[in-house]
């Protein structure tokens, strides 16, 4: 019995005192390591401990620093679909740690909020057949457990092999992406999921980065000012949490957690407690599905700065200045009567990032939304379209169409505006709908519903009462029925031809003005 207990303790992610050398928690049995790149392996040990890491005929040695941290880098490795053992050795008297069935293939990191977090089980209406057929020993997944603050959660992440028992609890968007890569690349694929529902991008950025410029520091200042205004000290904050938890339990509802050092939406919190568990794991790239929270807090224009800075920071932290960053534009979501600019301006900020930040790619999901569900069932579309981007941008399929029509040129004609597009594939498609997704304005800047026609591969937009149109907007609402596609079925992003000042300009996350 004593021997069994010892084996169990050595195998768990904490690697207790029975093993002097402890690999970081992200390294477990069934790990997938990135092929073709130097692979960073790290962990802890006693200060000054000599550490040896052995894998795939490589032996790397180092010495733990005074705080007990260590890291080695394995040389570039080719793809290997045969499971091998990753060994960590310390002193001669310590028990080596051995991680079994480790593969080498393609590894991606999946981040964001609830539409990335939502599991395959959440969408059984559409995903159950894919759950049932998920047996693939070369597709592997690991989820970083939610941890809002230090000490909140000591659950250990664990790499899992894809099968009907494991896939159900994994991110649907991430799974479908990995599944598509497996089917096309024919190599082992690993996906690291690190996401929390309802969170802003600022929660996934470091304090150092948010303090780096006045434009970003004001987010931290707003958070700290609000916290100090509401709570005299941390004791008062914890007391409020206790009181709210008690009241919520009596009322049969979920507690409303006050904003403070334990809140998942606070700036930097999830970066400090979750993302750092993955840094600097060697990954090929990132897929990202987030933005709803920033749209709802009316900080859409500022998202240009926030999101582009987040991408820059993650690239630095994962030691790849050109790391591919592929993301999902916000899907359509109701109500149909909502004409506020907050979601359109967030989508516009996402489009701006794709056009201005190198090696980024955006998929459009205007045909994947549900009017009454902020978590649409279209996660198979998400995974497939992100995989199209990856195959085109990362894996060399340059002729593969991975975008819907993108506006290329605008010409004002008599009584109309002519729009030309690129990425039309086999041809431009304009669907007929009862409510047009196009609007047009004259010199007065007032947009009105417009008629759109497909003529000789171009879109002609006009409206009665606007004899000299100046600008066009397409899909400039939170909810609309998309009409513009290419023949391959990929939708066009919402766009505008005007340069009117965004309504959300000057606002930022936690702005209380």
Protein backbone atom coordinates (compact mmCIF):
# COMPACT_ATOMS: atom_id res chain seq x y z
CA UNK A 1 0.00 0.00 0.00
CA UNK A 2 2.83 2.41 0.92
CA UNK A 3 4.40 1.83 -2.52
CA UNK A 4 1.10 2.58 -4.30
CA UNK A 5 0.70 5.81 -2.40
CA UNK A 6 4.24 6.83 -3.30
CA UNK A 7 3.65 6.14 -7.01
CA UNK A 8 0.44 8.17 -6.94
CA UNK A 9 2.09 11.14 -5.29
CA UNK A 10 4.93 11.13 -7.78
CA UNK A 11 2.50 11.06 -10.71
CA UNK A 12 0.24 13.93 -9.66
CA UNK A 13 0.87 17.43 -10.94
CA UNK A 14 2.19 18.73 -7.65
CA UNK A 15 5.08 16.21 -7.66
CA UNK A 16 5.47 16.35 -3.88
CA UNK A 17 8.70 15.90 -1.94
CA UNK A 18 9.18 12.38 -3.28
CA UNK A 19 10.57 14.05 -6.45
CA UNK A 20 13.12 16.83 -6.09
CA UNK A 21 12.75 17.97 -9.70
CA UNK A 22 9.24 19.10 -10.59
CA UNK A 23 8.26 19.87 -14.19
CA UNK A 24 5.75 22.69 -14.62
CA UNK A 25 2.13 21.57 -14.35
CA UNK A 26 1.53 21.89 -18.09
CA UNK A 27 3.82 18.87 -18.65
CA UNK A 28 1.97 15.61 -17.94
CA UNK A 29 1.51 12.18 -19.46
CA UNK A 30 0.22 12.49 -23.08
CA UNK A 31 1.87 15.87 -23.65
CA UNK A 32 2.33 17.10 -27.23
CA UNK A 33 5.51 19.06 -27.97
CA UNK A 34 5.93 21.41 -30.93
CA UNK A 35 7.81 20.01 -33.91
CA UNK A 36 10.40 22.00 -35.85
CA UNK A 37 11.04 24.56 -33.09
CA UNK A 38 13.27 24.71 -30.00
CA UNK A 39 11.10 23.36 -27.17
CA UNK A 40 11.27 25.00 -23.75
CA UNK A 41 10.88 22.74 -20.71
CA UNK A 42 10.81 24.24 -17.22
CA UNK A 43 9.91 23.59 -13.62
CA UNK A 44 11.15 23.84 -10.05
CA UNK A 45 13.61 22.10 -7.76
CA UNK A 46 15.62 22.82 -4.66
CA UNK A 47 17.83 25.87 -5.10
CA UNK A 48 21.10 24.85 -6.71
CA UNK A 49 19.82 21.41 -7.68
CA UNK A 50 21.33 19.90 -10.81
CA UNK A 51 18.57 19.10 -13.31
CA UNK A 52 18.71 16.72 -16.26
CA UNK A 53 15.94 16.39 -18.88
CA UNK A 54 15.98 13.46 -21.30
CA UNK A 55 13.79 13.06 -24.38
CA UNK A 56 14.16 11.69 -27.91
CA UNK A 57 17.89 10.96 -27.65
CA UNK A 58 18.49 14.43 -26.23
CA UNK A 59 19.96 15.16 -22.82
CA UNK A 60 19.83 18.72 -21.50
CA UNK A 61 21.29 19.79 -18.18
CA UNK A 62 20.97 22.91 -16.04
CA UNK A 63 21.04 24.05 -12.41
CA UNK A 64 18.06 25.47 -10.56
CA UNK A 65 18.51 29.08 -9.50
CA UNK A 66 18.39 30.29 -5.91
CA UNK A 67 14.59 30.41 -6.01
CA UNK A 68 14.41 26.88 -7.39
CA UNK A 69 13.40 27.74 -10.97
CA UNK A 70 14.99 26.03 -13.95
CA UNK A 71 14.55 25.76 -17.71
CA UNK A 72 16.14 23.83 -20.54
CA UNK A 73 15.56 23.97 -24.29
CA UNK A 74 15.35 20.87 -26.42
CA UNK A 75 16.66 21.13 -29.96
CA UNK A 76 14.25 21.11 -32.89
CA UNK A 77 12.54 17.75 -33.37
CA UNK A 78 10.68 16.18 -36.30
CA UNK A 79 7.11 14.94 -36.02
CA UNK A 80 6.79 11.76 -34.00
CA UNK A 81 3.47 9.93 -33.62
CA UNK A 82 4.98 7.25 -31.41
CA UNK A 83 4.67 7.94 -27.69
CA UNK A 84 7.99 8.38 -25.88
CA UNK A 85 8.99 9.10 -22.28
CA UNK A 86 10.03 12.54 -21.04
CA UNK A 87 12.34 12.12 -18.03
CA UNK A 88 13.31 14.61 -15.31
CA UNK A 89 16.23 13.79 -13.03
CA UNK A 90 17.64 15.52 -10.00
CA UNK A 91 20.16 14.24 -7.50
CA UNK A 92 21.21 10.63 -7.62
CA UNK A 93 19.06 9.81 -4.58
CA UNK A 94 15.86 11.43 -5.88
CA UNK A 95 13.24 9.50 -7.80
CA UNK A 96 13.17 10.57 -11.48
CA UNK A 97 9.88 11.84 -12.83
CA UNK A 98 8.76 10.10 -16.02
CA UNK A 99 5.98 11.39 -18.26
CA UNK A 100 4.63 8.71 -20.57
CA UNK A 101 3.35 8.74 -24.16
CA UNK A 102 4.69 12.14 -25.21
CA UNK A 103 4.28 13.07 -28.91
CA UNK A 104 5.78 15.68 -31.21
CA UNK A 105 3.49 17.53 -33.61
CA UNK A 106 1.63 20.82 -33.96
CA UNK A 107 0.58 22.72 -30.81
CA UNK A 108 -1.76 25.71 -30.54
CA UNK A 109 -3.01 27.85 -27.66
CA UNK A 110 -6.74 28.67 -27.49
CA UNK A 111 -7.74 31.76 -25.51
CA UNK A 112 -10.72 34.03 -24.93
CA UNK A 113 -14.00 34.17 -23.08
CA UNK A 114 -17.16 32.04 -23.04
CA UNK A 115 -17.41 31.26 -26.75
CA UNK A 116 -13.96 29.72 -26.49
CA UNK A 117 -14.62 28.22 -23.06
CA UNK A 118 -17.98 26.57 -23.92
CA UNK A 119 -17.58 22.82 -24.14
CA UNK A 120 -18.69 20.25 -26.68
CA UNK A 121 -21.27 19.06 -24.14
CA UNK A 122 -22.83 22.52 -24.23
CA UNK A 123 -23.85 22.01 -27.85
CA UNK A 124 -25.04 18.41 -27.87
CA UNK A 125 -27.79 19.27 -30.32
CA UNK A 126 -25.13 19.68 -32.99
CA UNK A 127 -21.96 18.20 -31.51
CA UNK A 128 -23.09 14.79 -30.21
CA UNK A 129 -22.18 12.88 -33.41
CA UNK A 130 -18.70 14.43 -33.27
CA UNK A 131 -18.35 13.53 -29.59
CA UNK A 132 -19.33 9.93 -30.36
CA UNK A 133 -16.71 9.67 -33.13
CA UNK A 134 -13.89 11.48 -31.32
CA UNK A 135 -11.49 8.54 -31.01
CA UNK A 136 -8.12 9.89 -32.13
CA UNK A 137 -5.01 9.04 -30.13
CA UNK A 138 -3.01 11.68 -32.00
CA UNK A 139 -5.32 14.57 -31.06
CA UNK A 140 -4.73 15.76 -27.51
CA UNK A 141 -6.06 18.52 -25.31
CA UNK A 142 -5.27 20.22 -22.04
CA UNK A 143 -7.43 22.76 -20.20
CA UNK A 144 -5.91 25.23 -17.75
CA UNK A 145 -8.31 25.13 -14.75
CA UNK A 146 -10.05 28.37 -13.93
CA UNK A 147 -8.18 30.32 -11.27
CA UNK A 148 -9.38 33.85 -10.53
CA UNK A 149 -6.82 34.66 -7.83
CA UNK A 150 -3.88 33.13 -6.00
CA UNK A 151 -5.07 30.27 -3.80
CA UNK A 152 -8.47 30.01 -5.48
CA UNK A 153 -7.89 26.73 -7.23
CA UNK A 154 -5.14 24.16 -7.01
CA UNK A 155 -6.58 21.80 -9.63
CA UNK A 156 -3.95 20.29 -11.89
CA UNK A 157 -4.16 20.50 -15.69
CA UNK A 158 -3.89 17.20 -17.50
CA UNK A 159 -3.25 16.36 -21.13
CA UNK A 160 -5.97 14.05 -22.42
CA UNK A 161 -6.28 11.88 -25.50
CA UNK A 162 -9.29 12.60 -27.69
CA UNK A 163 -12.14 10.12 -27.18
CA UNK A 164 -15.90 10.30 -26.47
CA UNK A 165 -15.25 10.44 -22.73
CA UNK A 166 -12.77 13.35 -22.81
CA UNK A 167 -13.95 15.54 -25.68
CA UNK A 168 -17.32 16.42 -24.17
CA UNK A 169 -15.75 18.58 -21.50
CA UNK A 170 -13.34 20.36 -23.83
CA UNK A 171 -13.70 23.70 -25.64
CA UNK A 172 -15.85 23.16 -28.73
CA UNK A 173 -14.19 25.94 -30.75
CA UNK A 174 -10.71 24.61 -29.91
CA UNK A 175 -11.67 20.98 -30.54
CA UNK A 176 -13.10 21.62 -34.00
CA UNK A 177 -9.99 23.63 -34.92
CA UNK A 178 -7.67 20.85 -33.77
CA UNK A 179 -9.83 18.20 -35.46
CA UNK A 180 -9.62 20.05 -38.78
CA UNK A 181 -5.84 20.34 -38.50
CA UNK A 182 -5.53 16.63 -37.70
CA UNK A 183 -7.56 15.70 -40.77
CA UNK A 184 -5.50 17.86 -43.13
CA UNK A 185 -1.97 17.83 -41.69
CA UNK A 186 -1.92 14.12 -40.74
CA UNK A 187 0.37 14.82 -37.75
CA UNK A 188 -0.21 14.80 -33.98
CA UNK A 189 -2.03 17.94 -32.82
CA UNK A 190 -2.14 19.35 -29.31
CA UNK A 191 -4.35 22.20 -28.16
CA UNK A 192 -3.99 24.16 -24.90
CA UNK A 193 -7.26 25.80 -23.77
CA UNK A 194 -6.97 28.83 -21.47
CA UNK A 195 -10.21 30.82 -21.29
CA UNK A 196 -12.88 32.12 -18.87
CA UNK A 197 -16.39 33.24 -19.74
CA UNK A 198 -17.46 36.87 -19.54
CA UNK A 199 -13.95 38.29 -19.35
CA UNK A 200 -12.39 41.35 -21.03
CA UNK A 201 -9.15 41.25 -22.97
CA UNK A 202 -7.56 43.36 -20.23
CA UNK A 203 -7.84 40.45 -17.78
CA UNK A 204 -5.44 38.49 -20.01
CA UNK A 205 -2.72 41.16 -20.04
CA UNK A 206 0.06 41.74 -17.52
CA UNK A 207 0.25 44.62 -15.10
CA UNK A 208 3.59 45.61 -16.63
CA UNK A 209 2.00 45.99 -20.05
CA UNK A 210 -1.04 47.89 -18.79
CA UNK A 211 1.29 50.26 -16.94
CA UNK A 212 3.42 50.80 -20.05
CA UNK A 213 1.42 53.68 -21.57
CA UNK A 214 -0.99 56.28 -20.17
CA UNK A 215 -3.66 55.04 -22.58
CA UNK A 216 -3.59 51.59 -20.99
CA UNK A 217 -2.70 52.60 -17.44
CA UNK A 218 -5.99 54.44 -17.07
CA UNK A 219 -7.67 51.01 -17.07
CA UNK A 220 -5.69 50.03 -13.98
CA UNK A 221 -6.29 53.44 -12.43
CA UNK A 222 -10.06 53.10 -12.95
CA UNK A 223 -10.03 49.65 -11.36
CA UNK A 224 -8.00 50.74 -8.33
CA UNK A 225 -10.03 53.93 -7.86
CA UNK A 226 -13.29 51.99 -7.93
CA UNK A 227 -11.95 49.40 -5.51
CA UNK A 228 -10.72 52.00 -3.01
CA UNK A 229 -14.02 53.87 -3.28
CA UNK A 230 -16.06 50.79 -2.40
CA UNK A 231 -13.82 49.09 0.15
CA UNK A 232 -11.65 50.50 2.91
CA UNK A 233 -9.40 47.46 2.85
CA UNK A 234 -9.27 43.81 1.77
CA UNK A 235 -11.01 42.73 4.96
CA UNK A 236 -14.04 44.83 4.03
CA UNK A 237 -13.95 43.38 0.53
CA UNK A 238 -13.89 39.78 1.80
CA UNK A 239 -16.70 40.56 4.24
CA UNK A 240 -18.82 41.88 1.36
CA UNK A 241 -18.19 38.66 -0.59
CA UNK A 242 -19.24 36.61 2.44
CA UNK A 243 -22.43 38.64 2.92
CA UNK A 244 -23.37 38.47 -0.76
CA UNK A 245 -22.75 34.71 -0.87
CA UNK A 246 -25.07 34.22 2.10
CA UNK A 247 -27.84 36.41 0.64
CA UNK A 248 -27.58 34.74 -2.77
CA UNK A 249 -27.81 31.28 -1.23
CA UNK A 250 -30.96 32.25 0.66
CA UNK A 251 -32.47 33.75 -2.50
CA UNK A 252 -31.55 30.74 -4.62
CA UNK A 253 -29.42 32.73 -7.05
CA UNK A 254 -25.77 33.04 -7.99
CA UNK A 255 -23.82 35.58 -5.91
CA UNK A 256 -22.89 38.86 -7.56
CA UNK A 257 -19.20 39.18 -6.84
CA UNK A 258 -17.97 42.73 -6.21
CA UNK A 259 -15.16 44.00 -8.42
CA UNK A 260 -11.90 43.56 -6.58
CA UNK A 261 -8.80 41.38 -6.20
CA UNK A 262 -10.79 38.13 -6.48
CA UNK A 263 -12.90 39.06 -9.49
CA UNK A 264 -12.25 37.24 -12.76
CA UNK A 265 -12.83 40.42 -14.77
CA UNK A 266 -10.26 42.56 -13.02
CA UNK A 267 -7.34 43.76 -15.15
CA UNK A 268 -4.33 41.40 -15.16
CA UNK A 269 -5.95 38.75 -12.94
CA UNK A 270 -6.26 35.88 -15.40
CA UNK A 271 -2.89 36.65 -16.92
CA UNK A 272 -1.30 36.34 -13.48
CA UNK A 273 -3.14 33.21 -12.39
CA UNK A 274 -3.87 31.25 -15.57
CA UNK A 275 -1.93 32.37 -18.63
CA UNK A 276 1.39 32.31 -16.76
CA UNK A 277 0.90 28.56 -16.30
CA UNK A 278 1.38 28.22 -20.06
CA UNK A 279 4.26 30.68 -20.56
CA UNK A 280 6.63 30.03 -22.34
CA UNK A 281 5.29 26.73 -23.73
CA UNK A 282 6.41 26.33 -27.34
CA UNK A 283 3.32 26.66 -29.54
CA UNK A 284 2.83 27.21 -33.26
CA UNK A 285 0.25 29.92 -32.77
CA UNK A 286 -2.85 31.23 -30.98
CA UNK A 287 -6.56 31.06 -31.73
CA UNK A 288 -8.69 33.63 -29.91
CA UNK A 289 -12.47 34.08 -29.48
CA UNK A 290 -13.29 37.09 -27.32
CA UNK A 291 -14.75 40.57 -27.49
CA UNK A 292 -18.33 40.35 -26.27
CA UNK A 293 -17.38 41.77 -22.87
CA UNK A 294 -15.47 44.71 -24.35
CA UNK A 295 -18.39 45.42 -26.69
CA UNK A 296 -20.88 45.37 -23.83
CA UNK A 297 -18.73 47.76 -21.79
CA UNK A 298 -18.83 50.19 -24.71
CA UNK A 299 -15.07 50.24 -25.25
CA UNK A 300 -15.07 49.01 -28.84
CA UNK A 301 -12.79 51.65 -30.34
CA UNK A 302 -10.21 51.26 -27.56
CA UNK A 303 -10.15 47.53 -28.36
CA UNK A 304 -7.90 48.40 -31.30
CA UNK A 305 -5.19 49.41 -28.84
CA UNK A 306 -5.96 46.75 -26.25
CA UNK A 307 -6.11 43.78 -28.62
CA UNK A 308 -3.08 44.75 -30.69
CA UNK A 309 -1.10 45.26 -27.47
CA UNK A 310 -2.24 41.89 -26.12
CA UNK A 311 -1.02 40.20 -29.30
CA UNK A 312 2.35 41.95 -29.02
CA UNK A 313 2.72 40.94 -25.38
CA UNK A 314 1.79 37.29 -25.95
CA UNK A 315 4.27 37.08 -28.82
CA UNK A 316 7.01 38.37 -26.53
CA UNK A 317 6.05 36.03 -23.70
CA UNK A 318 5.94 32.98 -25.95
CA UNK A 319 9.23 34.10 -27.52
CA UNK A 320 7.95 34.29 -31.09
CA UNK A 321 7.68 37.83 -32.45
CA UNK A 322 5.78 36.62 -35.52
CA UNK A 323 3.56 34.07 -33.78
CA UNK A 324 0.37 33.59 -35.85
CA UNK A 325 -2.66 35.01 -34.05
CA UNK A 326 -5.99 33.90 -35.52
CA UNK A 327 -9.25 35.18 -34.11
CA UNK A 328 -13.02 35.21 -34.47
CA UNK A 329 -14.99 38.33 -35.25
CA UNK A 330 -18.09 38.67 -33.06
CA UNK A 331 -21.03 36.69 -34.38
CA UNK A 332 -24.42 38.27 -34.90
CA UNK A 333 -26.62 38.42 -31.79
CA UNK A 334 -29.97 40.02 -31.03
CA UNK A 335 -32.20 41.71 -30.40
CA UNK A 336 -32.85 42.81 -33.96
CA UNK A 337 -34.10 46.18 -32.70
CA UNK A 338 -30.72 47.06 -31.15
CA UNK A 339 -29.10 49.74 -33.30
CA UNK A 340 -26.48 50.84 -30.77
CA UNK A 341 -22.98 51.04 -32.25
CA UNK A 342 -21.18 49.07 -29.55
CA UNK A 343 -20.99 45.65 -31.22
CA UNK A 344 -20.42 47.08 -34.74
CA UNK A 345 -17.56 49.24 -33.47
CA UNK A 346 -15.99 46.25 -31.71
CA UNK A 347 -16.21 44.23 -34.94
CA UNK A 348 -14.68 47.19 -36.76
CA UNK A 349 -11.81 47.20 -34.26
CA UNK A 350 -11.25 43.50 -34.91
CA UNK A 351 -11.17 44.17 -38.65
CA UNK A 352 -8.70 46.99 -38.03
CA UNK A 353 -6.38 44.63 -36.12
CA UNK A 354 -6.37 42.10 -38.96
CA UNK A 355 -5.52 44.85 -41.43
CA UNK A 356 -2.84 46.54 -39.30
CA UNK A 357 -1.14 43.85 -37.18
CA UNK A 358 1.13 41.51 -39.14
CA UNK A 359 0.53 37.77 -39.19
CA UNK A 360 -2.98 37.99 -37.80
CA UNK A 361 -6.10 36.54 -39.40
CA UNK A 362 -9.79 36.98 -38.69
CA UNK A 363 -12.71 34.72 -39.50
CA UNK A 364 -16.20 36.14 -39.98
CA UNK A 365 -19.19 34.51 -38.25
CA UNK A 366 -22.07 36.71 -39.31
CA UNK A 367 -23.81 33.60 -40.65
CA UNK A 368 -23.18 31.68 -37.43
CA UNK A 369 -25.01 33.80 -34.87
CA UNK A 370 -28.29 33.13 -33.10
CA UNK A 371 -30.61 36.02 -32.34
CA UNK A 372 -31.40 34.81 -28.82
CA UNK A 373 -28.15 33.03 -27.90
CA UNK A 374 -24.84 34.77 -27.29
CA UNK A 375 -23.22 31.30 -27.45
CA UNK A 376 -24.26 30.08 -30.90
CA UNK A 377 -24.02 26.41 -31.90
CA UNK A 378 -21.78 27.21 -34.89
CA UNK A 379 -18.54 26.07 -33.24
CA UNK A 380 -17.88 23.66 -36.12
CA UNK A 381 -17.80 26.69 -38.45
CA UNK A 382 -15.45 28.43 -36.03
CA UNK A 383 -13.00 25.53 -36.02
CA UNK A 384 -13.19 24.94 -39.76
CA UNK A 385 -12.65 28.58 -40.69
CA UNK A 386 -9.81 29.08 -38.21
CA UNK A 387 -8.21 25.96 -39.68
CA UNK A 388 -8.56 27.44 -43.19
CA UNK A 389 -6.63 30.49 -41.99
CA UNK A 390 -3.96 28.31 -40.39
CA UNK A 391 -3.58 26.17 -43.49
CA UNK A 392 -3.23 29.26 -45.68
CA UNK A 393 -1.09 31.46 -43.42
CA UNK A 394 0.98 28.90 -41.50
CA UNK A 395 1.04 25.61 -43.41
CA UNK A 396 1.69 26.82 -46.94
CA UNK A 397 -1.65 26.29 -48.74
CA UNK A 398 -1.42 29.73 -50.35
CA UNK A 399 -4.09 29.02 -52.95
CA UNK A 400 -6.64 28.02 -50.32
CA UNK A 401 -9.45 30.55 -49.97
CA UNK A 402 -9.73 31.46 -46.29
CA UNK A 403 -11.58 34.79 -46.32
CA UNK A 404 -14.97 36.01 -47.40
CA UNK A 405 -15.24 39.01 -49.75
CA UNK A 406 -13.20 41.97 -48.55
CA UNK A 407 -13.83 45.53 -49.72
CA UNK A 408 -11.18 46.67 -52.16
CA UNK A 409 -12.46 49.80 -53.88
CA UNK A 410 -15.31 52.31 -53.63
CA UNK A 411 -16.54 54.40 -56.58
CA UNK A 412 -19.28 57.02 -56.40
CA UNK A 413 -21.58 56.86 -59.40
CA UNK A 414 -24.61 58.90 -60.32
CA UNK A 415 -27.17 58.09 -57.65
CA UNK A 416 -25.26 55.04 -56.41
CA UNK A 417 -22.01 53.71 -54.95
CA UNK A 418 -20.13 50.86 -56.63
CA UNK A 419 -18.20 48.46 -54.42
CA UNK A 420 -15.43 46.15 -55.63
CA UNK A 421 -14.14 43.21 -53.60
CA UNK A 422 -11.21 40.82 -53.36
CA UNK A 423 -11.33 37.23 -52.07
CA UNK A 424 -14.42 36.56 -54.14
CA UNK A 425 -13.29 33.02 -54.96
CA UNK A 426 -15.48 31.50 -57.65
CA UNK A 427 -17.66 34.57 -57.64
CA UNK A 428 -19.50 37.10 -55.53
CA UNK A 429 -22.88 36.07 -54.12
CA UNK A 430 -25.59 38.52 -53.01
CA UNK A 431 -28.50 36.87 -51.24
CA UNK A 432 -31.96 38.35 -51.24
CA UNK A 433 -33.39 39.12 -47.80
CA UNK A 434 -36.47 40.99 -46.62
CA UNK A 435 -34.30 43.47 -44.71
CA UNK A 436 -31.20 44.76 -46.49
CA UNK A 437 -27.91 44.62 -44.59
CA UNK A 438 -26.76 47.67 -46.55
CA UNK A 439 -27.27 51.32 -45.59
CA UNK A 440 -26.27 54.48 -47.42
CA UNK A 441 -25.90 58.14 -46.57
CA UNK A 442 -25.65 61.45 -48.38
CA UNK A 443 -23.75 64.59 -47.40
CA UNK A 444 -25.86 64.90 -44.24
CA UNK A 445 -24.31 61.70 -42.86
CA UNK A 446 -27.68 60.14 -42.03
CA UNK A 447 -27.80 56.49 -42.97
CA UNK A 448 -30.94 54.97 -44.45
CA UNK A 449 -31.74 51.43 -45.65
CA UNK A 450 -30.38 50.82 -49.14
CA UNK A 451 -30.91 48.53 -52.09
CA UNK A 452 -27.97 46.41 -53.22
CA UNK A 453 -27.57 44.78 -56.63
CA UNK A 454 -24.91 42.45 -58.01
CA UNK A 455 -23.82 43.73 -61.43
CA UNK A 456 -20.80 42.37 -63.31
CA UNK A 457 -19.14 41.13 -60.16
CA UNK A 458 -19.63 44.37 -58.24
CA UNK A 459 -22.18 45.56 -55.69
CA UNK A 460 -24.20 48.64 -56.63
CA UNK A 461 -25.82 50.35 -53.61
CA UNK A 462 -28.50 53.03 -53.82
CA UNK A 463 -31.54 54.38 -52.01
CA UNK A 464 -34.54 56.50 -52.90
CA UNK A 465 -34.16 59.99 -51.49
CA UNK A 466 -30.34 59.90 -51.60
CA UNK A 467 -29.49 61.30 -55.05
CA UNK A 468 -25.81 61.90 -54.22
CA UNK A 469 -24.72 59.10 -51.90
CA UNK A 470 -21.42 59.50 -50.08
CA UNK A 471 -20.87 56.40 -47.97
CA UNK A 472 -22.03 52.84 -47.40
CA UNK A 473 -22.25 50.60 -44.38
CA UNK A 474 -22.82 46.87 -44.43
CA UNK A 475 -23.94 44.83 -41.44
CA UNK A 476 -23.58 47.77 -39.08
CA UNK A 477 -25.86 46.33 -36.41
CA UNK A 478 -25.56 43.92 -33.55
CA UNK A 479 -27.97 41.56 -35.33
CA UNK A 480 -28.52 41.39 -39.08
CA UNK A 481 -29.04 38.72 -41.71
CA UNK A 482 -25.88 38.53 -43.85
CA UNK A 483 -26.34 38.74 -47.60
CA UNK A 484 -22.82 39.09 -49.02
CA UNK A 485 -20.72 35.93 -49.56
CA UNK A 486 -18.36 34.38 -52.03
CA UNK A 487 -19.43 31.26 -53.92
CA UNK A 488 -17.43 29.13 -51.46
CA UNK A 489 -19.84 30.19 -48.69
CA UNK A 490 -17.55 32.51 -46.71
CA UNK A 491 -19.32 35.70 -45.55
CA UNK A 492 -18.10 39.27 -45.84
CA UNK A 493 -17.16 41.18 -42.72
CA UNK A 494 -19.31 44.15 -41.75
CA UNK A 495 -17.66 47.30 -43.08
CA UNK A 496 -18.08 51.03 -43.56
CA UNK A 497 -16.65 53.45 -46.11
CA UNK A 498 -16.98 56.54 -43.90
CA UNK A 499 -14.52 57.88 -41.35
CA UNK A 500 -17.08 59.24 -38.90
CA UNK A 501 -15.81 59.41 -35.30
CA UNK A 502 -16.77 56.21 -33.44
CA UNK A 503 -19.28 56.66 -30.63
CA UNK A 504 -17.08 54.61 -28.31
CA UNK A 505 -13.95 56.67 -28.97
CA UNK A 506 -12.49 57.91 -25.70
CA UNK A 507 -14.11 55.19 -23.60
CA UNK A 508 -12.21 52.33 -22.05
CA UNK A 509 -12.78 49.28 -19.85
CA UNK A 510 -14.07 50.23 -16.35
CA UNK A 511 -14.53 53.83 -17.49
CA UNK A 512 -17.13 55.28 -15.14
CA UNK A 513 -17.54 58.67 -16.82
